[in-house]
C-alpha atoms as a PDB file:
ATOM      1  CA  UNK A   1      97.510  95.624  79.025  1.00  0.00           C
ATOM      2  CA  UNK A   2      97.304  96.138  82.763  1.00  0.00           C
ATOM      3  CA  UNK A   3     100.180  95.045  84.942  1.00  0.00           C
ATOM      4  CA  UNK A   4     102.079  95.293  88.196  1.00  0.00           C
ATOM      5  CA  UNK A   5     105.201  97.429  88.556  1.00  0.00           C
ATOM      6  CA  UNK A   6     108.382  95.785  89.842  1.00  0.00           C
ATOM      7  CA  UNK A   7     110.244  97.164  92.867  1.00  0.00           C
ATOM      8  CA  UNK A   8     112.774  98.828  90.533  1.00  0.00           C
ATOM      9  CA  UNK A   9     110.015 100.400  88.421  1.00  0.00           C
ATOM     10  CA  UNK A  10     108.248 101.711  91.537  1.00  0.00           C
ATOM     11  CA  UNK A  11     111.478 103.206  92.897  1.00  0.00           C
ATOM     12  CA  UNK A  12     112.243 104.789  89.505  1.00  0.00           C
ATOM     13  CA  UNK A  13     108.809 106.431  89.389  1.00  0.00           C
ATOM     14  CA  UNK A  14     109.150 107.695  92.969  1.00  0.00           C
ATOM     15  CA  UNK A  15     112.602 109.105  92.158  1.00  0.00           C
ATOM     16  CA  UNK A  16     111.605 110.764  88.859  1.00  0.00           C
ATOM     17  CA  UNK A  17     108.513 112.568  90.151  1.00  0.00           C
ATOM     18  CA  UNK A  18     108.447 115.541  92.533  1.00  0.00           C
ATOM     19  CA  UNK A  19     104.709 115.890  93.214  1.00  0.00           C
ATOM     20  CA  UNK A  20     102.631 113.254  94.978  1.00  0.00           C
ATOM     21  CA  UNK A  21      99.387 113.087  96.939  1.00  0.00           C
ATOM     22  CA  UNK A  22      99.302 112.393 100.643  1.00  0.00           C
ATOM     23  CA  UNK A  23      96.162 110.864 102.129  1.00  0.00           C
ATOM     24  CA  UNK A  24      95.369 111.241 105.813  1.00  0.00           C
ATOM     25  CA  UNK A  25      92.343 110.920 108.073  1.00  0.00           C
ATOM     26  CA  UNK A  26      91.144 112.401 111.345  1.00  0.00           C
ATOM     27  CA  UNK A  27      88.776 109.453 111.879  1.00  0.00           C
ATOM     28  CA  UNK A  28      85.722 111.341 110.642  1.00  0.00           C
ATOM     29  CA  UNK A  29      86.969 112.775 107.373  1.00  0.00           C
ATOM     30  CA  UNK A  30      89.632 111.740 104.861  1.00  0.00           C
ATOM     31  CA  UNK A  31      91.839 114.218 103.015  1.00  0.00           C
ATOM     32  CA  UNK A  32      94.069 114.058  99.931  1.00  0.00           C
ATOM     33  CA  UNK A  33      96.581 116.854  99.410  1.00  0.00           C
ATOM     34  CA  UNK A  34      99.119 117.337  96.599  1.00  0.00           C
ATOM     35  CA  UNK A  35     102.644 117.884  97.956  1.00  0.00           C
ATOM     36  CA  UNK A  36     106.197 118.203  96.680  1.00  0.00           C
ATOM     37  CA  UNK A  37     108.519 115.525  98.010  1.00  0.00           C
ATOM     38  CA  UNK A  38     111.891 113.792  97.835  1.00  0.00           C
ATOM     39  CA  UNK A  39     112.464 110.031  97.949  1.00  0.00           C
ATOM     40  CA  UNK A  40     115.699 108.434  99.202  1.00  0.00           C
ATOM     41  CA  UNK A  41     114.844 104.766  98.681  1.00  0.00           C
ATOM     42  CA  UNK A  42     113.390 104.265 102.179  1.00  0.00           C
ATOM     43  CA  UNK A  43     111.544 107.453 103.097  1.00  0.00           C
ATOM     44  CA  UNK A  44     109.410 110.194 101.581  1.00  0.00           C
ATOM     45  CA  UNK A  45     110.461 113.664 102.762  1.00  0.00           C
ATOM     46  CA  UNK A  46     108.359 116.803 102.577  1.00  0.00           C
ATOM     47  CA  UNK A  47     107.984 120.213 104.092  1.00  0.00           C
ATOM     48  CA  UNK A  48     104.966 122.149 105.234  1.00  0.00           C
ATOM     49  CA  UNK A  49     103.698 124.874 107.542  1.00  0.00           C
ATOM     50  CA  UNK A  50     101.413 124.520 110.539  1.00  0.00           C
ATOM     51  CA  UNK A  51      97.858 123.709 109.495  1.00  0.00           C
ATOM     52  CA  UNK A  52      95.210 121.014 109.112  1.00  0.00           C
ATOM     53  CA  UNK A  53      97.438 118.442 107.372  1.00  0.00           C
ATOM     54  CA  UNK A  54     100.077 118.637 110.073  1.00  0.00           C
ATOM     55  CA  UNK A  55      97.518 118.611 112.905  1.00  0.00           C
ATOM     56  CA  UNK A  56      95.869 115.469 111.516  1.00  0.00           C
ATOM     57  CA  UNK A  57      99.191 113.722 110.796  1.00  0.00           C
ATOM     58  CA  UNK A  58     100.344 114.372 114.373  1.00  0.00           C
ATOM     59  CA  UNK A  59      97.163 112.789 115.779  1.00  0.00           C
ATOM     60  CA  UNK A  60      97.055 109.906 113.282  1.00  0.00           C
ATOM     61  CA  UNK A  61     100.472 109.202 111.744  1.00  0.00           C
ATOM     62  CA  UNK A  62      99.200 106.406 109.475  1.00  0.00           C
ATOM     63  CA  UNK A  63      99.041 107.933 106.002  1.00  0.00           C
ATOM     64  CA  UNK A  64      99.072 106.844 102.377  1.00  0.00           C
ATOM     65  CA  UNK A  65     100.937 108.406  99.481  1.00  0.00           C
ATOM     66  CA  UNK A  66     100.366 108.188  95.723  1.00  0.00           C
ATOM     67  CA  UNK A  67     102.555 109.141  92.764  1.00  0.00           C
ATOM     68  CA  UNK A  68     101.663 108.702  89.122  1.00  0.00           C
ATOM     69  CA  UNK A  69     102.821 109.435  85.617  1.00  0.00           C
ATOM     70  CA  UNK A  70     100.360 109.613  82.769  1.00  0.00           C
ATOM     71  CA  UNK A  71     101.072 109.842  79.054  1.00  0.00           C
ATOM     72  CA  UNK A  72      97.381 109.441  78.179  1.00  0.00           C
ATOM     73  CA  UNK A  73      94.316 107.516  79.401  1.00  0.00           C
ATOM     74  CA  UNK A  74      95.726 104.212  78.085  1.00  0.00           C
ATOM     75  CA  UNK A  75      99.357 104.674  79.160  1.00  0.00           C
ATOM     76  CA  UNK A  76     100.073 105.397  82.811  1.00  0.00           C
ATOM     77  CA  UNK A  77     101.802 104.088  85.908  1.00  0.00           C
ATOM     78  CA  UNK A  78     101.067 104.618  89.583  1.00  0.00           C
ATOM     79  CA  UNK A  79     102.644 103.782  92.935  1.00  0.00           C
ATOM     80  CA  UNK A  80     100.689 103.643  96.196  1.00  0.00           C
ATOM     81  CA  UNK A  81     102.430 103.622  99.565  1.00  0.00           C
ATOM     82  CA  UNK A  82     101.173 102.921 103.061  1.00  0.00           C
ATOM     83  CA  UNK A  83     103.277 104.601 105.643  1.00  0.00           C
ATOM     84  CA  UNK A  84     103.896 106.053 109.072  1.00  0.00           C
ATOM     85  CA  UNK A  85     104.694 109.776 109.310  1.00  0.00           C
ATOM     86  CA  UNK A  86     106.762 111.805 111.735  1.00  0.00           C
ATOM     87  CA  UNK A  87     107.397 115.558 111.883  1.00  0.00           C
ATOM     88  CA  UNK A  88     110.320 117.747 112.846  1.00  0.00           C
ATOM     89  CA  UNK A  89     110.349 121.527 113.355  1.00  0.00           C
ATOM     90  CA  UNK A  90     113.561 122.737 111.696  1.00  0.00           C
ATOM     91  CA  UNK A  91     113.653 126.012 113.706  1.00  0.00           C
ATOM     92  CA  UNK A  92     115.474 127.544 110.736  1.00  0.00           C
ATOM     93  CA  UNK A  93     114.165 131.075 110.274  1.00  0.00           C
ATOM     94  CA  UNK A  94     115.308 131.363 106.637  1.00  0.00           C
ATOM     95  CA  UNK A  95     113.083 128.500 105.414  1.00  0.00           C
ATOM     96  CA  UNK A  96     109.821 129.166 103.586  1.00  0.00           C
ATOM     97  CA  UNK A  97     108.234 126.119 105.224  1.00  0.00           C
ATOM     98  CA  UNK A  98     109.526 125.368 108.714  1.00  0.00           C
ATOM     99  CA  UNK A  99     108.176 121.884 109.348  1.00  0.00           C
ATOM    100  CA  UNK A 100     109.860 118.870 107.769  1.00  0.00           C
ATOM    101  CA  UNK A 101     108.094 115.523 107.745  1.00  0.00           C
ATOM    102  CA  UNK A 102     109.398 112.082 106.994  1.00  0.00           C
ATOM    103  CA  UNK A 103     107.254 109.158 105.978  1.00  0.00           C
ATOM    104  CA  UNK A 104     108.526 105.620 106.548  1.00  0.00           C
ATOM    105  CA  UNK A 105     107.287 103.311 103.808  1.00  0.00           C
ATOM    106  CA  UNK A 106     105.717 100.140 105.201  1.00  0.00           C
ATOM    107  CA  UNK A 107     103.973  98.850 102.068  1.00  0.00           C
ATOM    108  CA  UNK A 108     104.393  99.650  98.371  1.00  0.00           C
ATOM    109  CA  UNK A 109     102.282  98.619  95.370  1.00  0.00           C
ATOM    110  CA  UNK A 110     102.407  99.723  91.749  1.00  0.00           C
ATOM    111  CA  UNK A 111     100.242  99.285  88.680  1.00  0.00           C
ATOM    112  CA  UNK A 112     100.466 100.307  85.045  1.00  0.00           C
ATOM    113  CA  UNK A 113      98.511 100.293  81.820  1.00  0.00           C
ATOM    114  CA  UNK A 114     100.274 100.267  78.476  1.00  0.00           C
ATOM    115  CA  UNK A 115      98.796 100.092  74.980  1.00  0.00           C
END
């Protein structure tokens, strides 16, 4: 059976997982990168270093984000988010990754399959 996740189910999945995939585009090429994250109910938070992902997100802050959980090919759930990103340099020298980014969720959809 295929179905749609409720708002509570989507938020539970986003809270339980720690790895998601961020999708971003420079207008010519699209990228998908796995990232660790935190979810507070309104925003996705992550950290990174300077590089391609950050350069592209600064030029085009409209990104998408995907999180899933899979038991097997017939039992899974997935949440897709459409968002707007912003970055902040923490200037903390003791951090492994200096750049924090926050993604404001503007649209959220979720699907599941259960057998």
